[in-house]
Amino acid sequence: MEYRIGNGFDVHRLSEGLTLTLGGVRIPHRQGCVAHSDGDVLIHALCDALLGALSLGDIGLHFPDTSDEFKGIDSRILLRRTVAMIAERGWSVVNADCTLMLQKPKVAPYVQQMRETLSSDMQITQDRVSVKATTTEHLGFTGREEGVAASATVLLSKD
């Protein structure tokens, strides 16, 4: 059995009146992510981790923000396509550990739904997907509620 680890990180600016989608779940909030796609930083970090584990570049290489094809796209589609790229090469996801960094809103009520959504899209069981959130104690751009950040680490295996 062969293993690979990947790490991903993403940041998006927040703006009034936009939809906030994190981990494939719409979260009621006065601000949403400014982005070419739906701005789901958690899924973007996860895609980067998956791609990075196999040295396949990053999300921008495969789904460029200059392409009309990806304008406003649901990031769950990007995640499913990324998982398909991994599977085409004979790899599968063992587990994923994700962290959201934002001051508001509190996302604890949505974590289980995020785990369900992400595990479904990655074709693994929920117990293999961790989603955590933290504030930055009002420090930095996340603490000032100017943006949201996410990191993800994944383990892939190949028989």
Protein backbone atom coordinates (compact mmCIF):
# COMPACT_ATOMS: atom_id res chain seq x y z
CA MET A 1 0.00 0.00 0.00
CA GLU A 2 1.27 3.46 -0.89
CA TYR A 3 0.24 6.70 0.84
CA ARG A 4 0.38 10.41 0.03
CA ILE A 5 -0.41 13.45 2.18
CA GLY A 6 -1.65 16.77 0.79
CA ASN A 7 -2.23 20.16 2.34
CA GLY A 8 -4.40 22.99 1.04
CA PHE A 9 -5.18 26.55 2.08
CA ASP A 10 -7.59 29.16 0.70
CA VAL A 11 -8.78 32.66 1.56
CA HIS A 12 -11.67 34.75 0.28
CA ARG A 13 -12.73 38.29 1.02
CA LEU A 14 -16.19 38.78 2.50
CA SER A 15 -18.71 41.29 1.18
CA GLU A 16 -22.24 42.33 2.13
CA GLY A 17 -25.18 40.73 0.35
CA LEU A 18 -23.41 37.66 -1.06
CA THR A 19 -24.25 34.04 -0.28
CA LEU A 20 -21.97 32.28 2.22
CA THR A 21 -21.30 28.65 1.32
CA LEU A 22 -18.85 26.63 3.41
CA GLY A 23 -18.21 22.92 3.04
CA GLY A 24 -21.01 22.73 0.49
CA VAL A 25 -23.56 24.15 2.95
CA ARG A 26 -25.30 27.53 2.61
CA ILE A 27 -25.03 29.42 5.88
CA PRO A 28 -27.28 32.39 6.67
CA HIS A 29 -25.10 35.47 7.13
CA ARG A 30 -25.04 39.10 6.05
CA GLN A 31 -21.78 38.53 4.16
CA GLY A 32 -20.58 36.01 1.60
CA CYS A 33 -17.34 35.24 -0.20
CA VAL A 34 -16.20 37.31 -3.16
CA ALA A 35 -15.09 34.82 -5.82
CA HIS A 36 -15.32 33.70 -9.43
CA SER A 37 -17.05 30.49 -8.27
CA ASP A 38 -19.35 30.22 -5.25
CA GLY A 39 -16.32 31.03 -3.07
CA ASP A 40 -16.45 27.94 -0.85
CA VAL A 41 -13.03 28.28 0.78
CA LEU A 42 -13.31 24.96 2.58
CA ILE A 43 -13.86 23.00 -0.61
CA HIS A 44 -11.17 25.01 -2.42
CA ALA A 45 -8.63 24.15 0.30
CA LEU A 46 -9.73 20.51 0.12
CA CYS A 47 -9.28 20.42 -3.68
CA ASP A 48 -5.80 21.91 -3.30
CA ALA A 49 -4.92 19.28 -0.68
CA LEU A 50 -6.13 16.45 -2.94
CA LEU A 51 -4.28 17.79 -5.97
CA GLY A 52 -1.16 18.55 -3.96
CA ALA A 53 -0.95 15.02 -2.60
CA LEU A 54 -0.35 13.77 -6.15
CA SER A 55 1.68 16.78 -7.34
CA LEU A 56 -1.08 17.77 -9.76
CA GLY A 57 -0.82 21.51 -9.21
CA ASP A 58 -3.61 23.50 -7.63
CA ILE A 59 -7.28 24.33 -8.09
CA GLY A 60 -6.46 27.37 -10.25
CA LEU A 61 -4.59 25.20 -12.75
CA HIS A 62 -7.52 22.82 -13.26
CA PHE A 63 -10.42 25.26 -12.74
CA PRO A 64 -9.08 28.73 -13.66
CA ASP A 65 -10.91 31.82 -12.45
CA THR A 66 -10.45 33.28 -15.93
CA SER A 67 -12.76 30.68 -17.48
CA ASP A 68 -16.45 31.39 -18.03
CA GLU A 69 -17.05 27.65 -17.54
CA PHE A 70 -16.38 28.06 -13.81
CA LYS A 71 -18.11 31.42 -13.23
CA GLY A 72 -20.51 31.00 -10.30
CA ILE A 73 -19.97 27.21 -10.26
CA ASP A 74 -20.95 25.18 -7.23
CA SER A 75 -17.63 24.16 -5.66
CA ARG A 76 -19.05 20.71 -4.93
CA ILE A 77 -18.76 20.06 -8.67
CA LEU A 78 -15.08 21.01 -8.49
CA LEU A 79 -14.56 18.66 -5.55
CA ARG A 80 -16.24 15.74 -7.33
CA ARG A 81 -14.13 16.39 -10.45
CA THR A 82 -10.98 16.53 -8.32
CA VAL A 83 -11.85 13.24 -6.61
CA ALA A 84 -12.43 11.72 -10.06
CA MET A 85 -8.92 12.86 -11.13
CA ILE A 86 -7.50 11.15 -8.06
CA ALA A 87 -9.47 7.94 -8.73
CA GLU A 88 -8.40 7.89 -12.40
CA ARG A 89 -4.83 7.58 -11.15
CA GLY A 90 -5.72 4.68 -8.84
CA TRP A 91 -5.84 6.64 -5.58
CA SER A 92 -8.58 6.97 -2.98
CA VAL A 93 -9.17 9.31 -0.06
CA VAL A 94 -8.40 7.79 3.34
CA ASN A 95 -9.41 10.83 5.38
CA ALA A 96 -9.63 14.63 5.38
CA ASP A 97 -9.09 17.07 8.24
CA CYS A 98 -10.39 20.60 7.58
CA THR A 99 -10.29 23.84 9.57
CA LEU A 100 -12.30 27.00 8.94
CA MET A 101 -11.00 30.33 10.26
CA LEU A 102 -13.62 33.05 10.64
CA GLN A 103 -14.93 35.32 13.33
CA LYS A 104 -18.61 35.13 12.39
CA PRO A 105 -20.94 33.42 11.87
CA LYS A 106 -20.63 30.53 14.25
CA VAL A 107 -20.59 27.41 12.09
CA ALA A 108 -20.89 24.69 14.75
CA PRO A 109 -24.59 24.11 13.91
CA TYR A 110 -23.58 23.31 10.30
CA VAL A 111 -20.52 21.12 10.85
CA GLN A 112 -22.40 17.80 10.72
CA GLN A 113 -24.09 18.78 7.45
CA MET A 114 -20.69 19.81 6.03
CA ARG A 115 -19.24 16.43 6.99
CA GLU A 116 -22.16 14.65 5.32
CA THR A 117 -21.81 16.72 2.15
CA LEU A 118 -18.04 16.41 1.88
CA SER A 119 -17.97 12.70 2.64
CA SER A 120 -20.63 12.10 0.00
CA ASP A 121 -18.70 14.07 -2.62
CA MET A 122 -15.43 12.30 -1.75
CA GLN A 123 -17.17 8.88 -1.62
CA ILE A 124 -15.97 8.08 1.90
CA THR A 125 -17.73 7.61 5.22
CA GLN A 126 -18.42 10.56 7.50
CA ASP A 127 -16.08 9.28 10.18
CA ARG A 128 -13.22 10.00 7.76
CA VAL A 129 -14.05 13.71 7.44
CA SER A 130 -13.27 16.20 10.18
CA VAL A 131 -14.46 19.81 10.01
CA LYS A 132 -13.46 22.25 12.72
CA ALA A 133 -13.80 26.01 13.03
CA THR A 134 -11.91 28.61 14.97
CA THR A 135 -12.01 32.35 15.40
CA THR A 136 -8.85 34.41 15.38
CA GLU A 137 -9.85 36.25 18.56
CA HIS A 138 -10.68 39.40 16.56
CA LEU A 139 -7.12 39.51 15.13
CA GLY A 140 -6.22 39.93 11.46
CA PHE A 141 -8.53 40.02 8.45
CA THR A 142 -10.64 37.13 9.72
CA GLY A 143 -11.00 38.72 13.13
CA ARG A 144 -12.14 41.98 11.53
CA GLU A 145 -14.68 39.95 9.49
CA GLU A 146 -13.05 41.02 6.22
CA GLY A 147 -12.48 37.46 5.04
CA VAL A 148 -12.57 33.76 5.75
CA ALA A 149 -9.77 31.20 5.46
CA ALA A 150 -9.65 27.42 5.41
CA SER A 151 -7.01 24.72 5.54
CA ALA A 152 -7.29 21.05 4.71
CA THR A 153 -5.04 18.02 5.04
CA VAL A 154 -5.78 14.74 3.28
CA LEU A 155 -4.35 11.26 3.22
CA LEU A 156 -4.61 9.26 0.00
CA SER A 157 -3.92 5.56 -0.50
CA LYS A 158 -3.21 3.33 -3.47
CA ASP A 159 -3.35 -0.48 -3.34
